[in-house]
Amino acid sequence: MFKISKEIKSFLLVLVGLLLFVFGYNFLKGQSLLKSQKIIYTIYPEIEGLIPGAKVTLNGLSIGSVTKADFSPGTTEILITMDIRGDVDFSKNSQAILYETGLIGGKAISISPNFNSGKSVITGDTLSSSIKPGFTELVNRQIAPLQQKIVSTLTSVDSLFSGVSNVLNKETQNNLKNTLENLSVSLENINKASVVLSNLLVSNQDNFSNTMDNLSSTSNNLSAISDSLTAINFIHTVKQYENVANNINQLLISLEAGKGSAGKFLKNNSMYDRLDSVAIALETLINDLKQNPKRYVHFSLFGKKEKSNN
């Protein structure tokens, strides 16, 4: 029987261990020694945090890894070499997105597949690239304007405190203290006044109730008076007064024109002259009657009529 020496056994054991190590390492990187692989490329302006061995994923599934990162010939851009599974099929017009896997997880590449246009990707193709902002970058973008606002606010507050410090000198502080003391006294007096007013309202509650009842009764009376006034036909009354005023106006116009007896009396001077003459004659007759009554009245005790001297 053929015997295997200890040296050969040790060699075989080491060889199997190496094979298992290589297989396991490639398996952890998403590569398989039993399946065909594709080598593709992409270019980034910078790859801060991306190292060889980083995952290449498609829809979240690891399909390969980054095998090399170096400068593109003649430029400062970074040429990335990726080793992906040969059975994964997508268009060469797909995009390789560099993204941040976490706060401390480094970076990786995600393939944004395009299945509807162009030919399938093969070894040697170069995909277009883009960089997705990471959490840290987004936070920095949000913090930058906030930081400027905080600095501006702190500057304003500092200026405000400086102004207040200049205004609130010792004299101003004493005045402010006295003002606050006076305000405290005033508030205490207001509190006392409110207590007195409350006691007054409680003690005169019945009087206030009676007063409110009287006001209610007065309001009802005023309402009744207003209803009575409303019932009066003011329009008809005003029209009657207008008719009376028109009649008086027409009468005055007739008198002014000398119409009628009263108008003729007012406008005809001969009527006035006749009345004046009658008044003078009547006055003369009365005076003569007083002076010579016998001339007008004949009276005899014995019935004998005296002869007139005339």
Protein backbone atom coordinates (compact mmCIF):
# COMPACT_ATOMS: atom_id res chain seq x y z
CA MET A 1 0.00 0.00 0.00
CA PHE A 2 1.23 3.45 -1.00
CA LYS A 3 2.00 5.56 2.01
CA ILE A 4 1.83 9.39 1.99
CA SER A 5 4.60 11.06 3.84
CA LYS A 6 3.99 13.67 6.53
CA GLU A 7 5.53 16.36 4.30
CA ILE A 8 3.01 15.71 1.53
CA LYS A 9 0.15 15.71 4.01
CA SER A 10 1.33 19.01 5.44
CA PHE A 11 1.63 20.47 1.92
CA LEU A 12 -1.84 19.30 0.94
CA LEU A 13 -3.26 20.68 4.17
CA VAL A 14 -1.66 24.07 3.59
CA LEU A 15 -2.82 24.08 -0.05
CA VAL A 16 -6.41 23.29 0.95
CA GLY A 17 -6.27 26.01 3.57
CA LEU A 18 -5.04 28.55 1.02
CA LEU A 19 -7.78 27.55 -1.42
CA LEU A 20 -10.40 27.84 1.28
CA PHE A 21 -9.02 31.26 2.30
CA VAL A 22 -9.07 32.57 -1.28
CA PHE A 23 -12.53 31.15 -1.89
CA GLY A 24 -13.86 32.63 1.36
CA TYR A 25 -12.23 36.00 0.73
CA ASN A 26 -13.72 36.27 -2.75
CA PHE A 27 -17.05 35.05 -1.44
CA LEU A 28 -17.08 37.81 1.16
CA LYS A 29 -16.28 40.33 -1.57
CA GLY A 30 -19.20 39.07 -3.65
CA GLN A 31 -17.07 37.20 -6.12
CA SER A 32 -17.24 33.56 -6.98
CA LEU A 33 -14.45 31.37 -8.27
CA LEU A 34 -16.98 29.03 -9.83
CA LYS A 35 -18.76 31.64 -11.93
CA SER A 36 -17.59 33.89 -14.74
CA GLN A 37 -16.78 37.51 -13.88
CA LYS A 38 -16.98 40.81 -15.75
CA ILE A 39 -14.47 43.59 -15.29
CA ILE A 40 -15.98 47.06 -15.82
CA TYR A 41 -14.85 50.59 -15.08
CA THR A 42 -16.12 54.00 -13.99
CA ILE A 43 -14.48 57.36 -13.29
CA TYR A 44 -15.05 59.79 -10.36
CA PRO A 45 -13.58 63.22 -9.69
CA GLU A 46 -12.86 62.11 -6.10
CA ILE A 47 -13.51 58.97 -4.03
CA GLU A 48 -12.94 60.02 -0.42
CA GLY A 49 -13.59 56.87 1.67
CA LEU A 50 -13.80 54.36 -1.22
CA ILE A 51 -11.17 51.63 -0.98
CA PRO A 52 -10.45 48.39 -2.93
CA GLY A 53 -12.73 45.63 -1.69
CA ALA A 54 -15.74 47.97 -1.33
CA LYS A 55 -19.02 46.42 -2.39
CA VAL A 56 -20.69 46.89 -5.75
CA THR A 57 -24.45 46.42 -5.38
CA LEU A 58 -27.48 46.22 -7.64
CA ASN A 59 -30.83 47.00 -5.98
CA GLY A 60 -29.13 46.40 -2.62
CA LEU A 61 -27.68 42.97 -3.56
CA SER A 62 -23.89 42.60 -3.66
CA ILE A 63 -22.80 41.59 -7.19
CA GLY A 64 -19.07 42.31 -6.98
CA SER A 65 -16.43 44.53 -5.51
CA VAL A 66 -13.96 47.28 -6.27
CA THR A 67 -10.64 45.69 -7.18
CA LYS A 68 -8.57 48.75 -8.00
CA ALA A 69 -8.58 52.53 -7.70
CA ASP A 70 -6.01 54.66 -9.48
CA PHE A 71 -5.61 57.87 -11.44
CA SER A 72 -6.97 57.89 -14.94
CA PRO A 73 -4.07 58.27 -17.42
CA GLY A 74 -3.21 61.93 -18.00
CA THR A 75 -5.79 63.31 -15.49
CA THR A 76 -6.38 63.64 -11.78
CA GLU A 77 -9.71 61.80 -11.94
CA ILE A 78 -9.97 58.38 -10.29
CA LEU A 79 -10.42 55.28 -12.45
CA ILE A 80 -12.30 52.56 -10.58
CA THR A 81 -12.01 48.91 -11.62
CA MET A 82 -14.94 46.69 -10.62
CA ASP A 83 -15.21 42.91 -10.76
CA ILE A 84 -18.88 41.84 -10.98
CA ARG A 85 -20.77 38.62 -11.57
CA GLY A 86 -20.92 37.52 -15.18
CA ASP A 87 -24.52 36.33 -14.97
CA VAL A 88 -25.85 39.77 -14.05
CA ASP A 89 -27.11 41.49 -17.18
CA PHE A 90 -27.87 45.22 -17.55
CA SER A 91 -27.28 47.94 -20.14
CA LYS A 92 -23.90 49.58 -20.62
CA ASN A 93 -25.85 52.90 -20.30
CA SER A 94 -26.43 52.17 -16.62
CA GLN A 95 -24.90 54.45 -14.00
CA ALA A 96 -22.45 53.74 -11.17
CA ILE A 97 -23.44 55.78 -8.10
CA LEU A 98 -20.92 56.36 -5.34
CA TYR A 99 -22.75 56.52 -2.01
CA GLU A 100 -22.04 56.52 1.71
CA THR A 101 -22.94 53.26 3.45
CA GLY A 102 -23.15 54.85 6.91
CA LEU A 103 -21.53 57.19 9.35
CA ILE A 104 -18.54 54.86 9.85
CA GLY A 105 -19.14 52.28 7.12
CA GLY A 106 -17.17 53.90 4.33
CA LYS A 107 -18.43 54.11 0.77
CA ALA A 108 -19.63 51.70 -1.88
CA ILE A 109 -20.89 51.72 -5.46
CA SER A 110 -24.48 51.09 -6.45
CA ILE A 111 -25.39 50.25 -10.02
CA SER A 112 -28.49 52.13 -11.24
CA PRO A 113 -29.52 49.69 -13.97
CA ASN A 114 -30.93 50.55 -17.35
CA PHE A 115 -32.59 47.57 -19.02
CA ASN A 116 -34.34 49.31 -21.90
CA SER A 117 -31.62 50.91 -24.01
CA GLY A 118 -28.19 50.08 -25.32
CA LYS A 119 -26.27 46.84 -25.35
CA SER A 120 -25.61 44.64 -22.34
CA VAL A 121 -22.53 45.47 -20.35
CA ILE A 122 -19.47 43.37 -21.09
CA THR A 123 -15.93 43.22 -19.78
CA GLY A 124 -14.06 46.45 -20.54
CA ASP A 125 -17.10 48.77 -20.61
CA THR A 126 -17.01 52.06 -18.70
CA LEU A 127 -20.20 53.20 -16.93
CA SER A 128 -21.19 56.79 -16.37
CA SER A 129 -20.86 57.92 -12.77
CA SER A 130 -22.48 60.16 -10.17
CA ILE A 131 -21.93 60.87 -6.47
CA LYS A 132 -24.79 60.74 -4.01
CA PRO A 133 -24.39 63.18 -1.10
CA GLY A 134 -23.81 61.36 2.16
CA PHE A 135 -25.43 62.00 5.49
CA THR A 136 -22.46 63.97 6.73
CA GLU A 137 -22.45 66.17 3.64
CA LEU A 138 -26.19 66.80 3.89
CA VAL A 139 -25.83 67.73 7.54
CA ASN A 140 -22.98 70.08 6.68
CA ARG A 141 -25.12 71.70 3.97
CA GLN A 142 -27.92 72.28 6.47
CA ILE A 143 -25.60 73.40 9.25
CA ALA A 144 -23.66 75.92 7.16
CA PRO A 145 -26.51 78.49 6.75
CA LEU A 146 -27.65 77.76 10.31
CA GLN A 147 -24.14 78.46 11.54
CA GLN A 148 -24.13 81.79 9.72
CA LYS A 149 -27.48 82.69 11.29
CA ILE A 150 -26.23 81.70 14.75
CA VAL A 151 -23.08 83.80 14.32
CA SER A 152 -25.19 86.76 13.13
CA THR A 153 -27.59 86.30 16.06
CA LEU A 154 -24.75 86.08 18.56
CA THR A 155 -23.24 89.25 17.10
CA SER A 156 -26.59 91.04 17.44
CA VAL A 157 -27.03 89.76 21.00
CA ASP A 158 -23.53 90.89 21.88
CA SER A 159 -24.29 94.35 20.48
CA LEU A 160 -27.57 94.38 22.40
CA PHE A 161 -25.91 93.48 25.67
CA SER A 162 -23.25 96.11 25.06
CA GLY A 163 -25.96 98.73 24.49
CA VAL A 164 -27.87 97.59 27.56
CA SER A 165 -24.69 97.67 29.62
CA ASN A 166 -24.05 101.24 28.50
CA VAL A 167 -27.62 102.31 29.22
CA LEU A 168 -28.03 100.56 32.57
CA ASN A 169 -25.51 102.56 34.54
CA LYS A 170 -25.77 102.82 38.33
CA GLU A 171 -28.22 105.72 38.26
CA THR A 172 -30.45 103.97 35.73
CA GLN A 173 -30.36 100.79 37.79
CA ASN A 174 -31.49 102.73 40.88
CA ASN A 175 -34.30 104.38 38.89
CA LEU A 176 -35.38 101.02 37.53
CA LYS A 177 -35.33 99.56 41.04
CA ASN A 178 -37.48 102.44 42.35
CA THR A 179 -39.86 102.04 39.42
CA LEU A 180 -40.29 98.35 40.16
CA GLU A 181 -40.89 99.10 43.86
CA ASN A 182 -43.53 101.70 42.96
CA LEU A 183 -45.10 99.24 40.55
CA SER A 184 -45.24 96.66 43.33
CA VAL A 185 -46.94 99.17 45.65
CA SER A 186 -49.41 100.11 42.91
CA LEU A 187 -50.28 96.47 42.30
CA GLU A 188 -50.82 95.98 46.03
CA ASN A 189 -53.15 99.01 46.14
CA ILE A 190 -55.06 97.70 43.13
CA ASN A 191 -55.43 94.38 44.90
CA LYS A 192 -56.81 96.12 48.01
CA ALA A 193 -59.18 98.19 45.86
CA SER A 194 -60.42 95.04 44.16
CA VAL A 195 -61.11 93.46 47.57
CA VAL A 196 -63.05 96.56 48.69
CA LEU A 197 -65.00 96.61 45.45
CA SER A 198 -65.80 92.93 45.83
CA ASN A 199 -67.08 93.50 49.38
CA LEU A 200 -69.11 96.48 48.18
CA LEU A 201 -70.72 94.42 45.44
CA VAL A 202 -71.55 91.64 47.89
CA SER A 203 -73.02 94.01 50.50
CA ASN A 204 -75.13 95.88 47.91
CA GLN A 205 -76.17 92.92 45.89
CA ASP A 206 -79.86 93.38 46.72
CA ASN A 207 -79.73 97.10 45.82
CA PHE A 208 -78.05 96.32 42.54
CA SER A 209 -80.69 93.68 41.86
CA ASN A 210 -83.49 96.20 42.53
CA THR A 211 -81.75 98.75 40.36
CA MET A 212 -81.51 96.28 37.53
CA ASP A 213 -85.21 95.45 37.94
CA ASN A 214 -86.04 99.17 37.79
CA LEU A 215 -83.91 99.56 34.70
CA SER A 216 -85.73 96.62 33.15
CA SER A 217 -89.11 98.19 33.98
CA THR A 218 -87.97 101.54 32.60
CA SER A 219 -86.79 99.84 29.47
CA ASN A 220 -90.19 98.18 29.05
CA ASN A 221 -91.93 101.57 29.52
CA LEU A 222 -89.67 103.18 26.97
CA SER A 223 -90.41 100.31 24.62
CA ALA A 224 -94.16 100.87 25.08
CA ILE A 225 -93.73 104.63 24.47
CA SER A 226 -91.71 103.92 21.36
CA ASP A 227 -94.44 101.54 20.18
CA SER A 228 -97.06 104.27 20.77
CA LEU A 229 -94.97 106.78 18.87
CA THR A 230 -94.56 104.30 16.10
CA ALA A 231 -98.33 103.84 15.92
CA ILE A 232 -98.85 107.59 15.31
CA ASN A 233 -99.30 108.45 11.67
CA PHE A 234 -96.70 111.20 11.52
CA ILE A 235 -96.84 111.35 7.75
CA HIS A 236 -100.56 112.14 7.77
CA THR A 237 -100.10 114.74 10.51
CA VAL A 238 -97.23 116.41 8.66
CA LYS A 239 -99.32 116.51 5.48
CA GLN A 240 -102.15 118.22 7.41
CA TYR A 241 -99.71 120.80 8.77
CA GLU A 242 -98.45 121.33 5.22
CA ASN A 243 -102.04 121.94 4.00
CA VAL A 244 -102.67 124.44 6.84
CA ALA A 245 -99.43 126.23 6.03
CA ASN A 246 -100.40 126.37 2.34
CA ASN A 247 -103.85 127.83 3.21
CA ILE A 248 -102.27 130.47 5.45
CA ASN A 249 -99.80 131.27 2.70
CA GLN A 250 -102.65 131.65 0.18
CA LEU A 251 -104.53 133.91 2.64
CA LEU A 252 -101.50 136.11 3.09
CA ILE A 253 -101.04 136.29 -0.66
CA SER A 254 -104.74 137.35 -1.08
CA LEU A 255 -104.40 140.01 1.62
CA GLU A 256 -101.23 141.28 0.00
CA ALA A 257 -103.04 141.44 -3.35
CA GLY A 258 -105.98 143.37 -1.83
CA LYS A 259 -108.53 140.69 -2.48
CA GLY A 260 -111.63 140.35 -0.30
CA SER A 261 -112.91 142.74 2.38
CA ALA A 262 -109.86 142.34 4.59
CA GLY A 263 -107.54 142.81 1.64
CA LYS A 264 -109.36 145.94 0.51
CA PHE A 265 -109.30 147.25 4.05
CA LEU A 266 -105.56 146.71 4.25
CA LYS A 267 -104.70 147.99 0.78
CA ASN A 268 -107.41 150.78 0.28
CA ASN A 269 -106.40 154.07 1.95
CA SER A 270 -109.85 155.68 1.40
CA MET A 271 -111.43 153.14 3.75
CA TYR A 272 -108.91 154.11 6.39
CA ASP A 273 -109.55 157.82 5.79
CA ARG A 274 -113.33 157.32 6.13
CA LEU A 275 -112.94 155.37 9.33
CA ASP A 276 -110.65 158.12 10.60
CA SER A 277 -113.24 160.77 9.74
CA VAL A 278 -115.97 158.76 11.43
CA ALA A 279 -113.80 158.43 14.51
CA ILE A 280 -113.16 162.20 14.61
CA ALA A 281 -116.89 163.01 14.15
CA LEU A 282 -117.80 160.49 16.88
CA GLU A 283 -115.27 162.05 19.23
CA THR A 284 -116.69 165.58 18.50
CA LEU A 285 -120.24 164.33 19.14
CA ILE A 286 -119.27 162.79 22.45
CA ASN A 287 -117.51 165.98 23.58
CA ASP A 288 -120.55 168.11 22.64
CA LEU A 289 -122.84 165.63 24.41
CA LYS A 290 -120.82 166.07 27.56
CA GLN A 291 -120.84 169.86 27.32
CA ASN A 292 -124.48 170.36 26.23
CA PRO A 293 -126.46 167.37 27.39
CA LYS A 294 -129.73 169.37 27.39
CA ARG A 295 -129.38 169.84 23.71
CA TYR A 296 -129.83 166.15 23.23
CA VAL A 297 -131.81 165.08 26.32
CA HIS A 298 -135.07 166.97 27.35
CA PHE A 299 -136.36 166.11 30.81
CA SER A 300 -138.94 168.02 32.94
CA LEU A 301 -140.20 167.12 36.33
CA PHE A 302 -143.67 168.61 35.54
CA GLY A 303 -143.82 167.47 31.97
CA LYS A 304 -143.32 170.92 30.57
CA LYS A 305 -140.79 171.17 27.75
CA GLU A 306 -138.28 173.91 28.11
CA LYS A 307 -137.74 176.16 25.22
CA SER A 308 -134.54 176.06 23.52
CA ASN A 309 -132.40 179.14 23.62
CA ASN A 310 -131.40 178.59 20.06
